Amino acid sequence: MPRILLDYPGIKGESLIRNYKNLAECVSFDLSSGKREVGGFNYDDPIEENSYFGSRKAQKQDKLGVDSLKLERHFDLASPKLMQAAFDPQKKDVTATIHFFRTFAQLQGGEHFGQSDIFAEPYLTITLKNTQITEYELSIDNDDSSNGTETIALAFDQLQMTYQHQIDGRKIGQIRGDITLASKS
């Protein structure tokens, strides 16, 4: 079962993984993107002429974008501060990092996971720049054995994904991809 940890400035979680202590633990991660039509009268937008009606309109363009990045987690120590960050319009220039781990019963060279005999091997890191929590949802019901779950959505300008290639616990190399969704003028 993979482990997902969120490192968001000013938010202390309950992670016990060595070198990743006090980060917010998550139970699921979802990132979706796609192309969609966008258009408007911005500077240098292509203009489509309609000679019959004598009108002008912006041409529709396909732009690639991130539809959503959502993390689901159990309600815990980090929850009140995550909710507060979601409603704080002043948060700017925040860099958040999401760490992904494979877990094993035993692993040579892996990070020890808490007080148990489970080891965690980091394999993926996603760094988000100019991040803001744009959605916060809390769900608690009678059948839930935990304290409840929360889902947060993150918006960002830049994303850097780094995959750590490993064989038998040995680091072989890194593969990195970067995207920029918005530019600052």
Protein backbone atom coordinates (compact mmCIF):
# COMPACT_ATOMS: atom_id res chain seq x y z
CA MET A 1 0.00 0.00 0.00
CA PRO A 2 1.57 3.34 -1.01
CA ARG A 3 1.94 6.15 1.50
CA ILE A 4 1.27 9.76 0.55
CA LEU A 5 2.56 12.71 2.59
CA LEU A 6 1.80 16.41 2.11
CA ASP A 7 4.36 19.02 3.13
CA TYR A 8 2.46 22.33 3.25
CA PRO A 9 4.13 25.31 5.01
CA GLY A 10 2.77 26.02 8.49
CA ILE A 11 0.85 22.73 8.72
CA LYS A 12 2.07 20.01 11.08
CA GLY A 13 0.87 16.46 10.52
CA GLU A 14 1.32 13.08 12.20
CA SER A 15 3.75 11.27 9.88
CA LEU A 16 6.36 9.13 11.64
CA ILE A 17 8.56 8.31 8.64
CA ARG A 18 12.17 9.23 9.41
CA ASN A 19 13.25 12.32 7.45
CA TYR A 20 9.56 13.04 6.75
CA LYS A 21 8.21 13.43 10.30
CA ASN A 22 5.26 15.68 11.06
CA LEU A 23 3.96 15.83 7.49
CA ALA A 24 0.25 15.44 6.75
CA GLU A 25 -0.70 11.87 5.80
CA CYS A 26 -3.09 11.38 2.87
CA VAL A 27 -5.02 8.31 1.74
CA SER A 28 -5.53 9.19 -1.92
CA PHE A 29 -4.23 11.48 -4.64
CA ASP A 30 -6.01 12.45 -7.85
CA LEU A 31 -4.65 14.65 -10.64
CA SER A 32 -6.58 15.15 -13.85
CA SER A 33 -5.80 17.32 -16.83
CA GLY A 34 -6.96 17.77 -20.36
CA LYS A 35 -7.43 20.07 -23.30
CA ARG A 36 -10.44 22.31 -23.46
CA GLU A 37 -11.59 25.26 -25.51
CA VAL A 38 -10.83 28.66 -24.09
CA GLY A 39 -10.96 32.11 -25.59
CA GLY A 40 -11.32 35.77 -24.80
CA PHE A 41 -10.28 39.23 -25.86
CA ASN A 42 -6.85 39.27 -24.34
CA TYR A 43 -3.87 40.96 -25.94
CA ASP A 44 -2.65 39.01 -29.00
CA ASP A 45 -5.64 36.61 -29.00
CA PRO A 46 -6.46 35.56 -32.57
CA ILE A 47 -9.66 37.22 -33.79
CA GLU A 48 -12.27 35.51 -35.95
CA GLU A 49 -14.13 37.82 -38.34
CA ASN A 50 -17.77 37.18 -39.15
CA SER A 51 -18.33 39.15 -42.37
CA TYR A 52 -22.05 38.34 -42.61
CA PHE A 53 -22.90 40.00 -39.28
CA GLY A 54 -19.90 42.33 -39.21
CA SER A 55 -18.88 41.10 -35.76
CA ARG A 56 -15.62 39.94 -34.29
CA LYS A 57 -15.00 37.31 -31.66
CA ALA A 58 -12.03 35.57 -30.16
CA GLN A 59 -11.10 32.31 -31.82
CA LYS A 60 -11.52 29.24 -29.69
CA GLN A 61 -8.22 27.63 -28.79
CA ASP A 62 -7.33 24.34 -27.21
CA LYS A 63 -5.30 24.85 -24.07
CA LEU A 64 -3.94 22.15 -21.83
CA GLY A 65 -4.65 22.65 -18.16
CA VAL A 66 -5.05 20.89 -14.86
CA ASP A 67 -8.69 20.27 -14.07
CA SER A 68 -8.02 19.31 -10.46
CA LEU A 69 -5.47 18.04 -7.98
CA LYS A 70 -7.19 16.55 -4.96
CA LEU A 71 -5.93 14.86 -1.82
CA GLU A 72 -8.15 12.86 0.52
CA ARG A 73 -7.08 12.29 4.10
CA HIS A 74 -8.35 11.25 7.51
CA PHE A 75 -9.19 14.07 9.89
CA ASP A 76 -6.22 14.59 12.24
CA LEU A 77 -3.84 17.13 13.77
CA ALA A 78 -3.29 18.90 10.42
CA SER A 79 -7.00 19.32 9.62
CA PRO A 80 -7.79 22.62 11.40
CA LYS A 81 -4.79 24.35 9.79
CA LEU A 82 -5.62 22.93 6.34
CA MET A 83 -9.15 24.30 6.69
CA GLN A 84 -7.76 27.66 7.81
CA ALA A 85 -5.38 27.76 4.82
CA ALA A 86 -8.30 27.04 2.47
CA PHE A 87 -10.07 30.20 3.66
CA ASP A 88 -6.98 32.44 3.81
CA PRO A 89 -6.92 34.73 0.77
CA GLN A 90 -3.52 36.11 1.81
CA LYS A 91 -1.60 32.86 1.15
CA LYS A 92 0.67 33.44 -1.83
CA ASP A 93 3.98 32.07 -3.04
CA VAL A 94 3.44 28.82 -1.14
CA THR A 95 5.49 25.80 -2.23
CA ALA A 96 3.86 22.49 -1.33
CA THR A 97 5.44 19.07 -1.79
CA ILE A 98 3.70 15.70 -2.05
CA HIS A 99 5.84 12.63 -1.31
CA PHE A 100 4.87 9.11 -2.41
CA PHE A 101 6.30 5.95 -0.81
CA ARG A 102 6.11 2.24 -1.53
CA THR A 103 5.82 0.23 1.67
CA PHE A 104 7.47 -3.12 2.36
CA ALA A 105 7.74 -5.52 5.28
CA GLN A 106 11.54 -5.39 4.90
CA LEU A 107 13.74 -3.37 2.60
CA GLN A 108 17.45 -2.80 2.53
CA GLY A 109 18.10 0.93 2.56
CA GLY A 110 14.47 2.01 3.01
CA GLU A 111 13.15 4.56 5.48
CA HIS A 112 11.78 3.01 8.69
CA PHE A 113 8.08 3.69 9.01
CA GLY A 114 7.18 4.62 12.57
CA GLN A 115 7.44 2.04 15.34
CA SER A 116 6.48 -0.98 13.20
CA ASP A 117 8.48 -3.33 11.00
CA ILE A 118 7.27 -1.63 7.83
CA PHE A 119 9.72 0.24 5.63
CA ALA A 120 8.95 2.99 3.14
CA GLU A 121 10.84 3.64 -0.10
CA PRO A 122 10.32 7.11 -1.64
CA TYR A 123 9.59 6.83 -5.35
CA LEU A 124 7.77 10.00 -6.46
CA THR A 125 7.87 13.65 -5.43
CA ILE A 126 5.56 16.35 -6.75
CA THR A 127 6.48 19.96 -5.98
CA LEU A 128 3.84 22.65 -6.50
CA LYS A 129 4.78 26.34 -6.66
CA ASN A 130 2.44 29.25 -5.99
CA THR A 131 0.02 26.82 -4.40
CA GLN A 132 -3.31 27.58 -2.79
CA ILE A 133 -5.98 25.36 -1.28
CA THR A 134 -9.03 26.10 -3.41
CA GLU A 135 -11.52 23.58 -2.04
CA TYR A 136 -12.06 22.01 1.37
CA GLU A 137 -14.59 19.27 2.11
CA LEU A 138 -15.12 17.49 5.44
CA SER A 139 -17.19 14.30 5.66
CA ILE A 140 -18.16 12.55 8.89
CA ASP A 141 -20.77 9.82 9.12
CA ASN A 142 -21.93 7.21 11.63
CA ASP A 143 -20.33 4.30 9.78
CA ASP A 144 -16.89 5.87 9.57
CA SER A 145 -14.43 4.15 11.91
CA SER A 146 -12.05 7.11 11.67
CA ASN A 147 -12.64 10.68 12.81
CA GLY A 148 -13.92 11.50 9.32
CA THR A 149 -12.29 12.32 6.03
CA GLU A 150 -11.45 15.55 4.31
CA THR A 151 -10.67 16.35 0.70
CA ILE A 152 -8.62 19.34 -0.35
CA ALA A 153 -8.09 20.66 -3.87
CA LEU A 154 -4.87 22.48 -4.72
CA ALA A 155 -4.34 25.09 -7.43
CA PHE A 156 -0.81 25.98 -8.53
CA ASP A 157 1.19 27.73 -11.23
CA GLN A 158 4.06 25.25 -11.59
CA LEU A 159 4.37 21.51 -11.07
CA GLN A 160 7.57 19.49 -10.95
CA MET A 161 7.31 15.69 -10.87
CA THR A 162 10.39 13.62 -10.00
CA TYR A 163 10.38 9.83 -10.17
CA GLN A 164 13.13 8.02 -8.25
CA HIS A 165 14.10 4.90 -10.20
CA GLN A 166 15.21 2.15 -7.78
CA ILE A 167 16.11 -1.50 -8.04
CA ASP A 168 16.27 -3.61 -4.85
CA GLY A 169 16.46 -0.48 -2.70
CA ARG A 170 19.33 1.05 -4.69
CA LYS A 171 18.79 4.43 -6.34
CA ILE A 172 19.49 4.19 -10.06
CA GLY A 173 18.51 7.70 -11.20
CA GLN A 174 15.81 10.33 -11.40
CA ILE A 175 13.39 11.22 -14.17
CA ARG A 176 11.86 14.69 -13.99
CA GLY A 177 9.07 16.54 -15.75
CA ASP A 178 8.04 20.19 -15.32
CA ILE A 179 4.94 22.12 -16.36
CA THR A 180 4.04 25.78 -16.01
CA LEU A 181 0.36 26.65 -16.08
CA ALA A 182 0.51 30.41 -15.60
CA SER A 183 3.05 33.09 -16.20
CA LYS A 184 3.54 36.18 -14.10
CA SER A 185 3.72 39.50 -15.89
